[in-house]
Structure formats: C-alpha cells, structure tokens
C-alpha cells in the first residue's frame, strides 16, 4: 500500500479526506493498468490535479466546467484544454490513441451517447480506460434506506451507476471490446468514506466543515497530515479484498467491430 499512501499524502493537501482517499485508490488503478500513448485525451479532467499527479502530462483535457478548465490550465498537465460537453468532442474521427475518464461516466445522463462519441474519436487499436462506481456503492452506504440512497445520488449527481455487464454491452455496441475489468474499494471502506463525506456536508451554506477543512489544511503541520494519511491507509488496507468492490476500472480497445451481443467477453 506504499503507492496508495504516497498518493493519499499528496491529495490530502488539496482535497478533503474522503475525496483524497477515493482519488488515491483510483490513482493506483490507473497507474498500474494504463500506458498512455499519444495523442491522449482526459474526459472530465476537472482541476487537472489527478492527471498531473498520476501521469504528469496528457495532450488534451476537456471538462464542462469553465471554472475547472481554468484551474486545470494552471497545472501545466495539458497541451490543450477545452470547455465542452464530453458528448461533443471537437476532434476528428480516430484522433486519439488513449482516452481516460476518471469517475466521470456515472455523472452522464446519456452514457451511450457519451461512449459513442468516445468510439468516434478513438483510433483503431486505441484504449479507453475509465473508473466508475458499481451498484455495490449504493448498497454499501452507511444507511441502506431508499431515501438516503436517492439523497446521495442527487447530491453527487450519480445518474448512471450500472453493473459491468451493462457497460460491456454499450461498449461492444460501439466497437469497443472490454479487455480488462478490476473491482476495487471494498464495502467496509466505503462506509468509512461515506461517514467522512457526511461530516464534510455538516453546516450551512459556505459555513460548513468542508470549507473549514479547506481553510485550515494549508496551515496544518505536516506531521498532522501524515497522521491522517497513515490512519486512513491502515484502516483501508486491513479491510476485505473481495472482488465485490464498490468501484471498478474498465479498459476497452477499439477493434471496429460493433455488435449487439449483450454478453461481455472479458471478466
């Protein structure tokens, strides 16, 4: 878990603990399972810190938020940035050899249109790699009540949480064949992170614990940040490591053979 701890220490300086831990998990998975071949694209690049930390440099970044694109421009991680919807990518057919989408697709209300556009701009033999939540996420929250799940979905804008079999079917329909699937983030870890997230929502408007954390974090002694990192790492690393994870990384290769077969060929 040394790599996880390293990412966590970095992210705790810029994000609240629950988000830092999730991004650390995602960083390990992306770094281990993706070789970036240029030209490359990060869809939903956000503030750019994820790509800057994990890969250093990506050719193109796009995000629907002008504010996030402005932040991403300060990282120096992108050769080019665009404020556009991921369902209308301003590049020609087959342009990119690598496309990254980290924890974005669950926020898309028309995921098939999103994937169709990715298939269009991805070169033959190119790789599309994304991370997302699985249905296990909803069943592993602190409260399993329907109202709580709906509330969290609305707060986090989770519109498209699907099982891997459904993602495979959509990807295959557009000529993207799944070659790799790996679940991560066990249910017990998610409960811990859900609690941290709830704490960050405590307060009224801008006077909440999340903003208080952001205000104080730059001035916290380094030793305190390290203790937080080590504590989270110790908790998460001792939890069950079954395949029934609350998050998943999926890799698909464009082979140009669209199919209506709904059964995935990769496990």
C-alpha atoms as a PDB file:
ATOM      1  CA  UNK A   1       0.000   0.000   0.000  1.00  0.00           C
ATOM      2  CA  UNK A   2       3.031   2.319  -0.233  1.00  0.00           C
ATOM      3  CA  UNK A   3       1.849   3.771  -3.537  1.00  0.00           C
ATOM      4  CA  UNK A   4      -1.627   4.350  -2.136  1.00  0.00           C
ATOM      5  CA  UNK A   5      -0.137   6.121   0.891  1.00  0.00           C
ATOM      6  CA  UNK A   6       2.020   8.312  -1.326  1.00  0.00           C
ATOM      7  CA  UNK A   7      -0.935   9.455  -3.426  1.00  0.00           C
ATOM      8  CA  UNK A   8      -3.044   9.992  -0.321  1.00  0.00           C
ATOM      9  CA  UNK A   9      -0.465  12.254   1.272  1.00  0.00           C
ATOM     10  CA  UNK A  10      -0.415  14.431  -1.842  1.00  0.00           C
ATOM     11  CA  UNK A  11      -4.182  14.597  -2.248  1.00  0.00           C
ATOM     12  CA  UNK A  12      -4.861  15.434   1.407  1.00  0.00           C
ATOM     13  CA  UNK A  13      -3.179  18.766   0.735  1.00  0.00           C
ATOM     14  CA  UNK A  14      -5.723  19.762  -1.900  1.00  0.00           C
ATOM     15  CA  UNK A  15      -8.906  17.748  -1.263  1.00  0.00           C
ATOM     16  CA  UNK A  16     -10.974  16.740   1.800  1.00  0.00           C
ATOM     17  CA  UNK A  17     -10.123  13.304   3.292  1.00  0.00           C
ATOM     18  CA  UNK A  18     -12.953  11.272   1.701  1.00  0.00           C
ATOM     19  CA  UNK A  19     -12.179  12.591  -1.780  1.00  0.00           C
ATOM     20  CA  UNK A  20      -8.425  12.248  -1.283  1.00  0.00           C
ATOM     21  CA  UNK A  21      -8.808   8.566  -0.334  1.00  0.00           C
ATOM     22  CA  UNK A  22     -11.009   7.763  -3.339  1.00  0.00           C
ATOM     23  CA  UNK A  23      -8.630   9.554  -5.713  1.00  0.00           C
ATOM     24  CA  UNK A  24      -5.698   7.653  -4.199  1.00  0.00           C
ATOM     25  CA  UNK A  25      -7.443   4.344  -4.937  1.00  0.00           C
ATOM     26  CA  UNK A  26      -8.167   5.480  -8.493  1.00  0.00           C
ATOM     27  CA  UNK A  27      -4.589   6.673  -8.985  1.00  0.00           C
ATOM     28  CA  UNK A  28      -3.174   3.264  -8.099  1.00  0.00           C
ATOM     29  CA  UNK A  29      -5.541   1.532 -10.521  1.00  0.00           C
ATOM     30  CA  UNK A  30      -4.888   3.929 -13.398  1.00  0.00           C
ATOM     31  CA  UNK A  31      -1.121   3.888 -12.943  1.00  0.00           C
ATOM     32  CA  UNK A  32      -0.994   0.082 -12.790  1.00  0.00           C
ATOM     33  CA  UNK A  33      -3.313  -0.609 -15.707  1.00  0.00           C
ATOM     34  CA  UNK A  34      -2.794   2.126 -18.284  1.00  0.00           C
ATOM     35  CA  UNK A  35       0.079   3.058 -20.561  1.00  0.00           C
ATOM     36  CA  UNK A  36      -0.702   6.436 -22.100  1.00  0.00           C
ATOM     37  CA  UNK A  37       0.016   6.578 -25.820  1.00  0.00           C
ATOM     38  CA  UNK A  38      -0.217   9.978 -27.518  1.00  0.00           C
ATOM     39  CA  UNK A  39      -2.267  11.678 -28.631  1.00  0.00           C
ATOM     40  CA  UNK A  40      -4.193  11.284 -25.381  1.00  0.00           C
ATOM     41  CA  UNK A  41      -7.416  12.735 -24.004  1.00  0.00           C
ATOM     42  CA  UNK A  42      -8.733  13.158 -20.454  1.00  0.00           C
ATOM     43  CA  UNK A  43     -12.528  13.493 -20.451  1.00  0.00           C
ATOM     44  CA  UNK A  44     -13.849  15.296 -17.389  1.00  0.00           C
ATOM     45  CA  UNK A  45     -10.381  16.475 -16.421  1.00  0.00           C
ATOM     46  CA  UNK A  46     -11.660  18.609 -13.538  1.00  0.00           C
ATOM     47  CA  UNK A  47      -8.982  20.755 -11.929  1.00  0.00           C
ATOM     48  CA  UNK A  48      -6.246  18.675 -13.589  1.00  0.00           C
ATOM     49  CA  UNK A  49      -4.561  17.550 -10.371  1.00  0.00           C
ATOM     50  CA  UNK A  50      -5.391  13.880 -10.905  1.00  0.00           C
ATOM     51  CA  UNK A  51      -3.686  13.609 -14.298  1.00  0.00           C
ATOM     52  CA  UNK A  52      -0.829  15.861 -13.207  1.00  0.00           C
ATOM     53  CA  UNK A  53      -0.134  13.570 -10.243  1.00  0.00           C
ATOM     54  CA  UNK A  54      -0.582  10.190 -11.942  1.00  0.00           C
ATOM     55  CA  UNK A  55       0.680  10.755 -15.493  1.00  0.00           C
ATOM     56  CA  UNK A  56       2.387  14.124 -15.439  1.00  0.00           C
ATOM     57  CA  UNK A  57       1.189  15.090 -18.898  1.00  0.00           C
ATOM     58  CA  UNK A  58      -1.787  14.417 -21.190  1.00  0.00           C
ATOM     59  CA  UNK A  59      -2.250  16.022 -24.602  1.00  0.00           C
ATOM     60  CA  UNK A  60      -5.856  17.197 -24.313  1.00  0.00           C
ATOM     61  CA  UNK A  61      -8.231  17.778 -21.419  1.00  0.00           C
ATOM     62  CA  UNK A  62     -11.926  18.596 -21.625  1.00  0.00           C
ATOM     63  CA  UNK A  63     -14.457  19.487 -18.955  1.00  0.00           C
ATOM     64  CA  UNK A  64     -17.924  21.001 -18.971  1.00  0.00           C
ATOM     65  CA  UNK A  65     -16.993  23.459 -16.200  1.00  0.00           C
ATOM     66  CA  UNK A  66     -15.245  26.692 -17.173  1.00  0.00           C
ATOM     67  CA  UNK A  67     -14.014  27.063 -13.599  1.00  0.00           C
ATOM     68  CA  UNK A  68     -12.411  23.600 -13.598  1.00  0.00           C
ATOM     69  CA  UNK A  69     -10.780  24.131 -17.001  1.00  0.00           C
ATOM     70  CA  UNK A  70      -9.284  27.369 -15.708  1.00  0.00           C
ATOM     71  CA  UNK A  71      -7.861  25.505 -12.703  1.00  0.00           C
ATOM     72  CA  UNK A  72      -6.541  22.702 -14.935  1.00  0.00           C
ATOM     73  CA  UNK A  73      -4.663  25.233 -17.059  1.00  0.00           C
ATOM     74  CA  UNK A  74      -2.568  26.137 -14.031  1.00  0.00           C
ATOM     75  CA  UNK A  75      -1.236  22.578 -13.578  1.00  0.00           C
ATOM     76  CA  UNK A  76       0.671  22.502 -16.859  1.00  0.00           C
ATOM     77  CA  UNK A  77      -0.518  18.918 -17.353  1.00  0.00           C
ATOM     78  CA  UNK A  78      -2.306  19.566 -20.663  1.00  0.00           C
ATOM     79  CA  UNK A  79      -1.097  20.764 -24.036  1.00  0.00           C
ATOM     80  CA  UNK A  80      -4.644  21.825 -24.882  1.00  0.00           C
ATOM     81  CA  UNK A  81      -7.843  22.361 -22.878  1.00  0.00           C
ATOM     82  CA  UNK A  82     -11.463  22.777 -23.952  1.00  0.00           C
ATOM     83  CA  UNK A  83     -14.629  23.647 -22.056  1.00  0.00           C
ATOM     84  CA  UNK A  84     -17.050  21.314 -23.848  1.00  0.00           C
ATOM     85  CA  UNK A  85     -19.536  18.534 -23.170  1.00  0.00           C
ATOM     86  CA  UNK A  86     -17.955  15.067 -23.442  1.00  0.00           C
ATOM     87  CA  UNK A  87     -20.746  14.064 -25.800  1.00  0.00           C
ATOM     88  CA  UNK A  88     -19.452  16.521 -28.428  1.00  0.00           C
ATOM     89  CA  UNK A  89     -15.663  16.238 -28.600  1.00  0.00           C
ATOM     90  CA  UNK A  90     -14.109  18.800 -31.016  1.00  0.00           C
ATOM     91  CA  UNK A  91     -11.655  16.411 -32.694  1.00  0.00           C
ATOM     92  CA  UNK A  92     -11.780  14.334 -35.894  1.00  0.00           C
ATOM     93  CA  UNK A  93     -12.568  10.629 -36.135  1.00  0.00           C
ATOM     94  CA  UNK A  94      -9.842   8.286 -34.853  1.00  0.00           C
ATOM     95  CA  UNK A  95      -7.665  11.083 -33.480  1.00  0.00           C
ATOM     96  CA  UNK A  96      -6.746   9.740 -30.013  1.00  0.00           C
ATOM     97  CA  UNK A  97      -4.828   6.583 -29.098  1.00  0.00           C
ATOM     98  CA  UNK A  98      -5.602   6.842 -25.366  1.00  0.00           C
ATOM     99  CA  UNK A  99      -8.718   8.194 -23.686  1.00  0.00           C
ATOM    100  CA  UNK A 100      -9.019   8.476 -19.890  1.00  0.00           C
ATOM    101  CA  UNK A 101     -12.226   9.101 -17.975  1.00  0.00           C
ATOM    102  CA  UNK A 102     -11.810   9.012 -14.212  1.00  0.00           C
ATOM    103  CA  UNK A 103     -15.002   8.833 -12.128  1.00  0.00           C
ATOM    104  CA  UNK A 104     -16.993  10.749 -14.762  1.00  0.00           C
ATOM    105  CA  UNK A 105     -19.304   8.384 -16.608  1.00  0.00           C
ATOM    106  CA  UNK A 106     -21.663   7.928 -13.636  1.00  0.00           C
ATOM    107  CA  UNK A 107     -22.443  11.655 -13.880  1.00  0.00           C
ATOM    108  CA  UNK A 108     -23.584  11.383 -17.521  1.00  0.00           C
ATOM    109  CA  UNK A 109     -27.340  11.121 -18.030  1.00  0.00           C
ATOM    110  CA  UNK A 110     -26.887   9.813 -21.595  1.00  0.00           C
ATOM    111  CA  UNK A 111     -23.918   7.437 -21.233  1.00  0.00           C
ATOM    112  CA  UNK A 112     -24.455   5.669 -24.566  1.00  0.00           C
ATOM    113  CA  UNK A 113     -24.159   8.928 -26.466  1.00  0.00           C
ATOM    114  CA  UNK A 114     -21.022   9.658 -24.432  1.00  0.00           C
ATOM    115  CA  UNK A 115     -19.481   6.280 -25.324  1.00  0.00           C
ATOM    116  CA  UNK A 116     -20.478   6.619 -28.992  1.00  0.00           C
ATOM    117  CA  UNK A 117     -18.557   9.889 -29.165  1.00  0.00           C
ATOM    118  CA  UNK A 118     -15.544   8.299 -27.459  1.00  0.00           C
ATOM    119  CA  UNK A 119     -15.606   5.466 -30.008  1.00  0.00           C
ATOM    120  CA  UNK A 120     -15.692   8.030 -32.813  1.00  0.00           C
ATOM    121  CA  UNK A 121     -12.551   9.930 -31.763  1.00  0.00           C
ATOM    122  CA  UNK A 122     -10.609   6.837 -30.628  1.00  0.00           C
ATOM    123  CA  UNK A 123      -8.106   5.392 -33.104  1.00  0.00           C
ATOM    124  CA  UNK A 124      -8.279   1.752 -34.194  1.00  0.00           C
ATOM    125  CA  UNK A 125      -6.447  -0.254 -31.544  1.00  0.00           C
ATOM    126  CA  UNK A 126      -6.652   2.664 -29.138  1.00  0.00           C
ATOM    127  CA  UNK A 127      -7.557   2.240 -25.461  1.00  0.00           C
ATOM    128  CA  UNK A 128     -10.414   3.753 -23.487  1.00  0.00           C
ATOM    129  CA  UNK A 129      -9.942   3.377 -19.721  1.00  0.00           C
ATOM    130  CA  UNK A 130     -12.430   4.567 -17.149  1.00  0.00           C
ATOM    131  CA  UNK A 131     -13.254   4.192 -13.481  1.00  0.00           C
ATOM    132  CA  UNK A 132     -16.753   4.358 -12.043  1.00  0.00           C
ATOM    133  CA  UNK A 133     -18.921   3.241  -9.159  1.00  0.00           C
ATOM    134  CA  UNK A 134     -20.693  -0.102  -9.241  1.00  0.00           C
ATOM    135  CA  UNK A 135     -24.205  -0.871  -7.863  1.00  0.00           C
ATOM    136  CA  UNK A 136     -22.359  -2.110  -4.755  1.00  0.00           C
ATOM    137  CA  UNK A 137     -21.775   1.564  -3.945  1.00  0.00           C
ATOM    138  CA  UNK A 138     -25.473   2.190  -3.215  1.00  0.00           C
ATOM    139  CA  UNK A 139     -25.836  -0.955  -1.114  1.00  0.00           C
ATOM    140  CA  UNK A 140     -22.702  -0.209   0.932  1.00  0.00           C
ATOM    141  CA  UNK A 141     -23.525   3.289   2.166  1.00  0.00           C
ATOM    142  CA  UNK A 142     -23.933   3.894   5.892  1.00  0.00           C
ATOM    143  CA  UNK A 143     -27.713   3.779   5.503  1.00  0.00           C
ATOM    144  CA  UNK A 144     -29.418   1.391   3.095  1.00  0.00           C
ATOM    145  CA  UNK A 145     -32.686   3.311   3.148  1.00  0.00           C
ATOM    146  CA  UNK A 146     -34.044   4.274  -0.274  1.00  0.00           C
ATOM    147  CA  UNK A 147     -34.397   7.919   0.727  1.00  0.00           C
ATOM    148  CA  UNK A 148     -30.728   8.063   1.754  1.00  0.00           C
ATOM    149  CA  UNK A 149     -29.546   6.462  -1.493  1.00  0.00           C
ATOM    150  CA  UNK A 150     -31.693   8.891  -3.505  1.00  0.00           C
ATOM    151  CA  UNK A 151     -30.399  11.816  -1.471  1.00  0.00           C
ATOM    152  CA  UNK A 152     -26.762  10.832  -2.012  1.00  0.00           C
ATOM    153  CA  UNK A 153     -27.395  10.254  -5.724  1.00  0.00           C
ATOM    154  CA  UNK A 154     -28.877  13.735  -6.063  1.00  0.00           C
ATOM    155  CA  UNK A 155     -26.141  15.399  -4.026  1.00  0.00           C
ATOM    156  CA  UNK A 156     -23.375  13.670  -6.009  1.00  0.00           C
ATOM    157  CA  UNK A 157     -25.232  13.720  -9.364  1.00  0.00           C
ATOM    158  CA  UNK A 158     -24.959   9.960  -9.838  1.00  0.00           C
ATOM    159  CA  UNK A 159     -27.198   9.382 -12.841  1.00  0.00           C
ATOM    160  CA  UNK A 160     -25.635   6.272 -14.411  1.00  0.00           C
ATOM    161  CA  UNK A 161     -24.397   3.670 -11.940  1.00  0.00           C
ATOM    162  CA  UNK A 162     -24.540   0.366 -13.827  1.00  0.00           C
ATOM    163  CA  UNK A 163     -23.173  -3.186 -13.450  1.00  0.00           C
ATOM    164  CA  UNK A 164     -20.144  -4.025 -15.588  1.00  0.00           C
ATOM    165  CA  UNK A 165     -22.252  -6.280 -17.837  1.00  0.00           C
ATOM    166  CA  UNK A 166     -24.267  -3.250 -18.960  1.00  0.00           C
ATOM    167  CA  UNK A 167     -21.157  -1.189 -19.625  1.00  0.00           C
ATOM    168  CA  UNK A 168     -19.738  -4.070 -21.678  1.00  0.00           C
ATOM    169  CA  UNK A 169     -22.890  -4.228 -23.766  1.00  0.00           C
ATOM    170  CA  UNK A 170     -22.823  -0.489 -24.521  1.00  0.00           C
ATOM    171  CA  UNK A 171     -19.100  -0.506 -25.282  1.00  0.00           C
ATOM    172  CA  UNK A 172     -19.379  -3.527 -27.592  1.00  0.00           C
ATOM    173  CA  UNK A 173     -22.287  -1.957 -29.422  1.00  0.00           C
ATOM    174  CA  UNK A 174     -19.924   0.811 -30.485  1.00  0.00           C
ATOM    175  CA  UNK A 175     -16.942  -1.347 -31.411  1.00  0.00           C
ATOM    176  CA  UNK A 176     -15.101  -1.188 -28.086  1.00  0.00           C
ATOM    177  CA  UNK A 177     -14.143  -4.596 -26.723  1.00  0.00           C
ATOM    178  CA  UNK A 178     -13.543  -4.887 -22.980  1.00  0.00           C
ATOM    179  CA  UNK A 179     -10.153  -6.456 -22.244  1.00  0.00           C
ATOM    180  CA  UNK A 180      -9.738  -5.727 -18.544  1.00  0.00           C
ATOM    181  CA  UNK A 181     -12.016  -5.324 -15.522  1.00  0.00           C
ATOM    182  CA  UNK A 182     -10.935  -4.963 -11.897  1.00  0.00           C
ATOM    183  CA  UNK A 183     -13.075  -4.161  -8.867  1.00  0.00           C
ATOM    184  CA  UNK A 184     -11.613  -2.149  -6.004  1.00  0.00           C
ATOM    185  CA  UNK A 185     -12.701  -0.269  -2.864  1.00  0.00           C
ATOM    186  CA  UNK A 186     -14.383  -2.861  -0.570  1.00  0.00           C
ATOM    187  CA  UNK A 187     -17.790  -2.100   1.016  1.00  0.00           C
ATOM    188  CA  UNK A 188     -16.405  -1.588   4.525  1.00  0.00           C
ATOM    189  CA  UNK A 189     -14.026   1.080   3.226  1.00  0.00           C
ATOM    190  CA  UNK A 190     -16.887   2.868   1.508  1.00  0.00           C
ATOM    191  CA  UNK A 191     -18.818   3.077   4.790  1.00  0.00           C
ATOM    192  CA  UNK A 192     -15.843   4.808   6.360  1.00  0.00           C
ATOM    193  CA  UNK A 193     -15.548   7.229   3.440  1.00  0.00           C
ATOM    194  CA  UNK A 194     -19.294   7.858   3.463  1.00  0.00           C
ATOM    195  CA  UNK A 195     -19.022   8.939   7.097  1.00  0.00           C
ATOM    196  CA  UNK A 196     -16.188  11.343   6.251  1.00  0.00           C
ATOM    197  CA  UNK A 197     -18.246  12.748   3.409  1.00  0.00           C
ATOM    198  CA  UNK A 198     -21.251  13.306   5.644  1.00  0.00           C
ATOM    199  CA  UNK A 199     -19.053  15.265   8.048  1.00  0.00           C
ATOM    200  CA  UNK A 200     -17.972  17.454   5.143  1.00  0.00           C
ATOM    201  CA  UNK A 201     -21.640  18.295   4.460  1.00  0.00           C
ATOM    202  CA  UNK A 202     -22.305  19.484   8.016  1.00  0.00           C
ATOM    203  CA  UNK A 203     -23.020  23.198   8.241  1.00  0.00           C
ATOM    204  CA  UNK A 204     -24.967  25.906   6.470  1.00  0.00           C
ATOM    205  CA  UNK A 205     -24.038  27.194   3.028  1.00  0.00           C
ATOM    206  CA  UNK A 206     -20.384  28.163   2.896  1.00  0.00           C
ATOM    207  CA  UNK A 207     -20.091  27.766   6.652  1.00  0.00           C
ATOM    208  CA  UNK A 208     -19.558  24.015   6.568  1.00  0.00           C
ATOM    209  CA  UNK A 209     -16.942  21.529   7.697  1.00  0.00           C
ATOM    210  CA  UNK A 210     -15.670  21.068   4.145  1.00  0.00           C
ATOM    211  CA  UNK A 211     -14.793  24.724   3.726  1.00  0.00           C
ATOM    212  CA  UNK A 212     -13.376  24.786   7.244  1.00  0.00           C
ATOM    213  CA  UNK A 213     -11.093  21.915   6.261  1.00  0.00           C
ATOM    214  CA  UNK A 214     -10.013  23.739   3.123  1.00  0.00           C
ATOM    215  CA  UNK A 215      -9.324  26.859   5.162  1.00  0.00           C
ATOM    216  CA  UNK A 216      -7.231  25.108   7.789  1.00  0.00           C
ATOM    217  CA  UNK A 217      -5.494  22.403   5.715  1.00  0.00           C
ATOM    218  CA  UNK A 218      -2.736  24.647   4.275  1.00  0.00           C
ATOM    219  CA  UNK A 219      -1.724  25.636   7.801  1.00  0.00           C
ATOM    220  CA  UNK A 220      -1.842  22.216   9.421  1.00  0.00           C
ATOM    221  CA  UNK A 221       1.594  20.941  10.445  1.00  0.00           C
ATOM    222  CA  UNK A 222       2.971  18.323   8.095  1.00  0.00           C
ATOM    223  CA  UNK A 223       3.015  15.752  10.908  1.00  0.00           C
ATOM    224  CA  UNK A 224      -0.774  16.006  11.358  1.00  0.00           C
ATOM    225  CA  UNK A 225      -1.407  15.458   7.643  1.00  0.00           C
ATOM    226  CA  UNK A 226       0.875  12.428   7.735  1.00  0.00           C
ATOM    227  CA  UNK A 227      -1.031  11.004  10.691  1.00  0.00           C
ATOM    228  CA  UNK A 228      -4.310  11.404   8.808  1.00  0.00           C
ATOM    229  CA  UNK A 229      -2.797   9.669   5.792  1.00  0.00           C
ATOM    230  CA  UNK A 230      -1.372   6.806   7.797  1.00  0.00           C
ATOM    231  CA  UNK A 231      -4.602   6.354   9.729  1.00  0.00           C
ATOM    232  CA  UNK A 232      -6.739   6.131   6.589  1.00  0.00           C
ATOM    233  CA  UNK A 233      -4.225   3.829   4.938  1.00  0.00           C
ATOM    234  CA  UNK A 234      -4.188   1.483   7.938  1.00  0.00           C
ATOM    235  CA  UNK A 235      -7.978   1.349   8.046  1.00  0.00           C
ATOM    236  CA  UNK A 236      -8.454   0.767   4.327  1.00  0.00           C
ATOM    237  CA  UNK A 237      -5.630  -1.746   3.891  1.00  0.00           C
ATOM    238  CA  UNK A 238      -6.988  -4.087   6.572  1.00  0.00           C
ATOM    239  CA  UNK A 239     -10.439  -4.405   5.006  1.00  0.00           C
ATOM    240  CA  UNK A 240     -11.662  -7.337   2.936  1.00  0.00           C
ATOM    241  CA  UNK A 241     -10.258  -7.561  -0.566  1.00  0.00           C
ATOM    242  CA  UNK A 242     -13.033  -9.489  -2.271  1.00  0.00           C
ATOM    243  CA  UNK A 243     -13.967  -8.942  -5.902  1.00  0.00           C
ATOM    244  CA  UNK A 244     -17.231  -7.328  -4.853  1.00  0.00           C
ATOM    245  CA  UNK A 245     -15.884  -3.798  -4.987  1.00  0.00           C
ATOM    246  CA  UNK A 246     -17.789  -0.527  -4.884  1.00  0.00           C
ATOM    247  CA  UNK A 247     -15.719   0.849  -7.738  1.00  0.00           C
ATOM    248  CA  UNK A 248     -14.327  -0.642 -10.938  1.00  0.00           C
ATOM    249  CA  UNK A 249     -11.712   0.133 -13.567  1.00  0.00           C
ATOM    250  CA  UNK A 250     -12.566  -0.932 -17.115  1.00  0.00           C
ATOM    251  CA  UNK A 251     -10.313  -0.998 -20.174  1.00  0.00           C
ATOM    252  CA  UNK A 252     -11.692  -1.353 -23.689  1.00  0.00           C
ATOM    253  CA  UNK A 253      -9.896  -1.482 -27.035  1.00  0.00           C
ATOM    254  CA  UNK A 254     -11.378  -0.219 -30.279  1.00  0.00           C
ATOM    255  CA  UNK A 255     -11.430  -3.041 -32.807  1.00  0.00           C
ATOM    256  CA  UNK A 256     -14.093  -1.553 -35.050  1.00  0.00           C
ATOM    257  CA  UNK A 257     -16.479  -4.490 -34.807  1.00  0.00           C
ATOM    258  CA  UNK A 258     -19.782  -3.178 -33.440  1.00  0.00           C
ATOM    259  CA  UNK A 259     -22.004  -5.897 -32.081  1.00  0.00           C
ATOM    260  CA  UNK A 260     -25.402  -6.219 -30.436  1.00  0.00           C
ATOM    261  CA  UNK A 261     -24.154  -9.128 -28.321  1.00  0.00           C
ATOM    262  CA  UNK A 262     -25.062  -8.197 -24.748  1.00  0.00           C
ATOM    263  CA  UNK A 263     -22.684 -10.670 -23.098  1.00  0.00           C
ATOM    264  CA  UNK A 264     -19.191  -9.400 -22.279  1.00  0.00           C
ATOM    265  CA  UNK A 265     -16.175 -11.430 -23.305  1.00  0.00           C
ATOM    266  CA  UNK A 266     -13.878 -10.177 -20.593  1.00  0.00           C
ATOM    267  CA  UNK A 267     -14.310 -10.853 -16.909  1.00  0.00           C
END
